[in-house]
């Protein structure tokens, strides 16, 4: 299971591998016991918000292949944050 807190701030890429923004929020279908995710809210260039249809455009990790490489400083920050939690 993936939690929203794990996705917030993660980069969003288009089909060409170009970064188009960062995850800002999720849209859900209300009225269900377990609400279904319907859209991905993205903060694009210049902090412009936009929505991406989950069903139509979000590709599961297993089908898209390996993630694009992360910039070194981002990987270092994640490692440092993980190291602080495990103490």
N, C-alpha and C. Protein backbone atom coordinates (compact mmCIF):
# COMPACT_ATOMS: atom_id res chain seq x y z
N UNK A 1 0.84 -1.17 0.00
CA UNK A 1 0.00 0.00 0.00
C UNK A 1 0.89 1.23 0.00
N UNK A 2 0.48 2.23 -0.73
CA UNK A 2 1.22 3.50 -0.79
C UNK A 2 0.40 4.56 -0.08
N UNK A 3 1.04 5.38 0.73
CA UNK A 3 0.38 6.44 1.46
C UNK A 3 0.66 7.78 0.79
N UNK A 4 -0.29 8.71 0.92
CA UNK A 4 -0.12 10.05 0.36
C UNK A 4 1.16 10.69 0.89
N UNK A 5 1.44 10.52 2.17
CA UNK A 5 2.63 11.13 2.76
C UNK A 5 3.91 10.66 2.08
N UNK A 6 3.90 9.46 1.50
CA UNK A 6 5.07 8.96 0.78
C UNK A 6 5.18 9.59 -0.61
N UNK A 7 4.07 10.04 -1.16
CA UNK A 7 4.05 10.57 -2.52
C UNK A 7 4.25 12.08 -2.59
N UNK A 8 3.88 12.79 -1.53
CA UNK A 8 3.96 14.25 -1.55
C UNK A 8 5.38 14.73 -1.87
N UNK A 9 5.47 15.63 -2.81
CA UNK A 9 6.76 16.19 -3.19
C UNK A 9 7.54 15.37 -4.20
N UNK A 10 7.07 14.16 -4.51
CA UNK A 10 7.78 13.31 -5.47
C UNK A 10 7.65 13.91 -6.88
N UNK A 11 8.69 13.80 -7.69
CA UNK A 11 8.61 14.35 -9.05
C UNK A 11 7.63 13.57 -9.92
N UNK A 12 7.03 14.27 -10.87
CA UNK A 12 6.11 13.68 -11.86
C UNK A 12 6.75 13.90 -13.23
N UNK A 13 6.80 12.83 -14.02
CA UNK A 13 7.44 12.88 -15.33
C UNK A 13 6.42 12.63 -16.44
N UNK A 14 6.65 13.23 -17.61
CA UNK A 14 5.80 12.94 -18.76
C UNK A 14 6.33 11.69 -19.46
N UNK A 15 5.70 11.29 -20.57
CA UNK A 15 6.07 10.06 -21.25
C UNK A 15 7.49 10.10 -21.83
N UNK A 16 8.04 11.30 -21.99
CA UNK A 16 9.41 11.45 -22.52
C UNK A 16 10.46 11.50 -21.41
N UNK A 17 10.01 11.36 -20.17
CA UNK A 17 10.95 11.40 -19.04
C UNK A 17 11.27 12.80 -18.56
N UNK A 18 10.56 13.81 -19.08
CA UNK A 18 10.78 15.19 -18.65
C UNK A 18 9.98 15.46 -17.38
N UNK A 19 10.61 16.09 -16.41
CA UNK A 19 9.91 16.42 -15.17
C UNK A 19 8.89 17.52 -15.44
N UNK A 20 7.64 17.29 -15.03
CA UNK A 20 6.59 18.28 -15.26
C UNK A 20 6.06 18.88 -13.97
N UNK A 21 6.51 18.39 -12.84
CA UNK A 21 6.08 18.95 -11.56
C UNK A 21 6.31 17.99 -10.41
N UNK A 22 5.63 18.28 -9.30
CA UNK A 22 5.73 17.46 -8.09
C UNK A 22 4.33 17.15 -7.58
N UNK A 23 4.19 15.97 -6.95
CA UNK A 23 2.90 15.57 -6.39
C UNK A 23 2.53 16.53 -5.26
N UNK A 24 1.30 17.03 -5.34
CA UNK A 24 0.82 18.00 -4.37
C UNK A 24 -0.34 17.42 -3.55
N UNK A 25 -1.17 16.58 -4.18
CA UNK A 25 -2.34 16.03 -3.50
C UNK A 25 -2.95 14.94 -4.38
N UNK A 26 -3.98 14.28 -3.88
CA UNK A 26 -4.72 13.28 -4.65
C UNK A 26 -6.18 13.67 -4.71
N UNK A 27 -6.86 13.32 -5.80
CA UNK A 27 -8.31 13.45 -5.89
C UNK A 27 -8.90 12.06 -5.67
N UNK A 28 -10.00 11.97 -4.92
CA UNK A 28 -10.61 10.67 -4.64
C UNK A 28 -12.09 10.69 -4.98
N UNK A 29 -12.65 9.51 -5.21
CA UNK A 29 -14.10 9.35 -5.39
C UNK A 29 -14.72 9.18 -4.03
N UNK A 30 -15.62 10.06 -3.66
CA UNK A 30 -16.26 9.96 -2.33
C UNK A 30 -17.44 9.00 -2.39
N UNK A 31 -17.93 8.65 -1.24
CA UNK A 31 -19.09 7.78 -1.15
C UNK A 31 -18.77 6.31 -1.20
N UNK A 32 -17.50 5.96 -1.10
CA UNK A 32 -17.10 4.56 -1.09
C UNK A 32 -16.45 4.25 0.25
N UNK A 33 -16.54 2.99 0.69
CA UNK A 33 -15.91 2.60 1.95
C UNK A 33 -14.40 2.82 1.85
N UNK A 34 -13.81 2.39 0.74
CA UNK A 34 -12.39 2.62 0.48
C UNK A 34 -12.31 3.51 -0.76
N UNK A 35 -12.20 4.84 -0.55
CA UNK A 35 -12.22 5.75 -1.70
C UNK A 35 -11.15 5.42 -2.73
N UNK A 36 -11.53 5.50 -3.97
CA UNK A 36 -10.65 5.21 -5.10
C UNK A 36 -9.97 6.51 -5.53
N UNK A 37 -8.67 6.44 -5.81
CA UNK A 37 -7.94 7.60 -6.30
C UNK A 37 -8.37 7.85 -7.75
N UNK A 38 -8.75 9.08 -8.05
CA UNK A 38 -9.21 9.41 -9.40
C UNK A 38 -8.27 10.37 -10.12
N UNK A 39 -7.48 11.14 -9.36
CA UNK A 39 -6.61 12.13 -10.00
C UNK A 39 -5.38 12.40 -9.13
N UNK A 40 -4.34 12.84 -9.78
CA UNK A 40 -3.11 13.23 -9.12
C UNK A 40 -3.00 14.74 -9.27
N UNK A 41 -2.93 15.45 -8.15
CA UNK A 41 -2.76 16.90 -8.18
C UNK A 41 -1.27 17.20 -8.23
N UNK A 42 -0.88 17.99 -9.21
CA UNK A 42 0.54 18.27 -9.45
C UNK A 42 0.79 19.77 -9.37
N UNK A 43 1.91 20.13 -8.77
CA UNK A 43 2.35 21.53 -8.78
C UNK A 43 3.39 21.63 -9.88
N UNK A 44 3.04 22.31 -10.95
CA UNK A 44 3.92 22.40 -12.12
C UNK A 44 4.86 23.57 -12.05
N UNK A 45 5.47 23.90 -13.19
CA UNK A 45 6.39 25.04 -13.25
C UNK A 45 5.71 26.33 -12.80
N UNK A 46 6.43 27.13 -12.06
CA UNK A 46 5.88 28.38 -11.56
C UNK A 46 4.77 28.16 -10.54
N UNK A 47 4.76 27.00 -9.90
CA UNK A 47 3.76 26.62 -8.89
C UNK A 47 2.34 26.55 -9.46
N UNK A 48 2.23 26.35 -10.77
CA UNK A 48 0.93 26.22 -11.42
C UNK A 48 0.32 24.86 -11.10
N UNK A 49 -0.86 24.83 -10.47
CA UNK A 49 -1.48 23.54 -10.14
C UNK A 49 -2.24 22.96 -11.34
N UNK A 50 -2.21 21.64 -11.48
CA UNK A 50 -3.03 20.97 -12.48
C UNK A 50 -3.28 19.54 -12.03
N UNK A 51 -4.29 18.92 -12.61
CA UNK A 51 -4.69 17.56 -12.24
C UNK A 51 -4.40 16.61 -13.40
N UNK A 52 -4.01 15.38 -13.05
CA UNK A 52 -3.78 14.32 -14.04
C UNK A 52 -4.71 13.17 -13.69
N UNK A 53 -5.45 12.67 -14.69
CA UNK A 53 -6.35 11.54 -14.47
C UNK A 53 -5.54 10.32 -14.06
N UNK A 54 -5.87 9.74 -12.91
CA UNK A 54 -5.15 8.57 -12.42
C UNK A 54 -5.32 7.39 -13.37
N UNK A 55 -6.54 7.11 -13.73
CA UNK A 55 -6.85 5.94 -14.54
C UNK A 55 -6.26 6.04 -15.95
N UNK A 56 -6.28 7.24 -16.50
CA UNK A 56 -5.87 7.43 -17.89
C UNK A 56 -4.36 7.60 -18.06
N UNK A 57 -3.69 8.25 -17.09
CA UNK A 57 -2.30 8.65 -17.31
C UNK A 57 -1.27 8.12 -16.33
N UNK A 58 -1.68 7.75 -15.13
CA UNK A 58 -0.68 7.29 -14.15
C UNK A 58 -0.35 5.83 -14.45
N UNK A 59 0.95 5.57 -14.69
CA UNK A 59 1.41 4.23 -15.03
C UNK A 59 2.01 3.57 -13.80
N UNK A 60 1.55 2.37 -13.44
CA UNK A 60 2.13 1.69 -12.28
C UNK A 60 3.63 1.46 -12.48
N UNK A 61 4.38 1.49 -11.39
CA UNK A 61 5.84 1.33 -11.44
C UNK A 61 6.25 0.05 -12.15
N UNK A 62 5.50 -1.03 -11.97
CA UNK A 62 5.86 -2.31 -12.58
C UNK A 62 5.82 -2.25 -14.11
N UNK A 63 4.96 -1.40 -14.67
CA UNK A 63 4.84 -1.31 -16.13
C UNK A 63 5.75 -0.27 -16.74
N UNK A 64 6.17 0.75 -15.96
CA UNK A 64 6.94 1.83 -16.56
C UNK A 64 8.44 1.55 -16.59
N UNK A 65 8.90 0.57 -15.85
CA UNK A 65 10.33 0.28 -15.82
C UNK A 65 11.01 1.02 -14.69
N UNK A 66 12.33 1.09 -14.72
CA UNK A 66 13.06 1.71 -13.61
C UNK A 66 12.80 3.21 -13.54
N UNK A 67 12.86 3.75 -12.32
CA UNK A 67 12.69 5.18 -12.13
C UNK A 67 13.86 5.93 -12.75
N UNK A 68 13.61 7.16 -13.21
CA UNK A 68 14.71 7.98 -13.71
C UNK A 68 15.69 8.25 -12.58
N UNK A 69 16.97 8.44 -12.88
CA UNK A 69 17.94 8.70 -11.81
C UNK A 69 17.61 10.00 -11.08
N UNK A 70 17.84 10.00 -9.79
CA UNK A 70 17.60 11.20 -8.99
C UNK A 70 18.89 12.02 -8.92
N UNK A 71 18.74 13.34 -8.80
CA UNK A 71 19.93 14.16 -8.60
C UNK A 71 20.60 13.76 -7.29
N UNK A 72 21.93 13.81 -7.21
CA UNK A 72 22.64 13.36 -6.01
C UNK A 72 22.17 14.02 -4.72
N UNK A 73 21.94 15.33 -4.70
CA UNK A 73 21.56 15.99 -3.45
C UNK A 73 20.22 15.48 -2.95
N UNK A 74 19.30 15.12 -3.84
CA UNK A 74 18.01 14.60 -3.42
C UNK A 74 18.18 13.22 -2.78
N UNK A 75 18.99 12.37 -3.39
CA UNK A 75 19.24 11.05 -2.83
C UNK A 75 19.92 11.17 -1.47
N UNK A 76 20.86 12.11 -1.33
CA UNK A 76 21.55 12.30 -0.06
C UNK A 76 20.59 12.74 1.04
N UNK A 77 19.66 13.63 0.72
CA UNK A 77 18.68 14.08 1.70
C UNK A 77 17.80 12.94 2.18
N UNK A 78 17.36 12.09 1.25
CA UNK A 78 16.53 10.95 1.61
C UNK A 78 17.30 10.00 2.52
N UNK A 79 18.57 9.76 2.20
CA UNK A 79 19.38 8.87 3.02
C UNK A 79 19.54 9.44 4.43
N UNK A 80 19.79 10.74 4.52
CA UNK A 80 19.96 11.39 5.82
C UNK A 80 18.68 11.32 6.63
N UNK A 81 17.53 11.52 5.98
CA UNK A 81 16.25 11.47 6.68
C UNK A 81 15.99 10.06 7.19
N UNK A 82 16.30 9.05 6.38
CA UNK A 82 16.12 7.66 6.79
C UNK A 82 17.05 7.32 7.96
N UNK A 83 18.27 7.81 7.90
CA UNK A 83 19.24 7.53 8.96
C UNK A 83 18.77 8.14 10.29
N UNK A 84 18.17 9.34 10.24
CA UNK A 84 17.67 9.97 11.46
C UNK A 84 16.53 9.16 12.07
N UNK A 85 15.65 8.61 11.22
CA UNK A 85 14.52 7.82 11.73
C UNK A 85 14.97 6.54 12.40
N UNK A 86 16.04 5.91 11.88
CA UNK A 86 16.42 4.61 12.41
C UNK A 86 17.25 4.69 13.68
N UNK A 87 17.55 5.87 14.14
CA UNK A 87 18.32 5.98 15.39
C UNK A 87 17.47 5.73 16.59
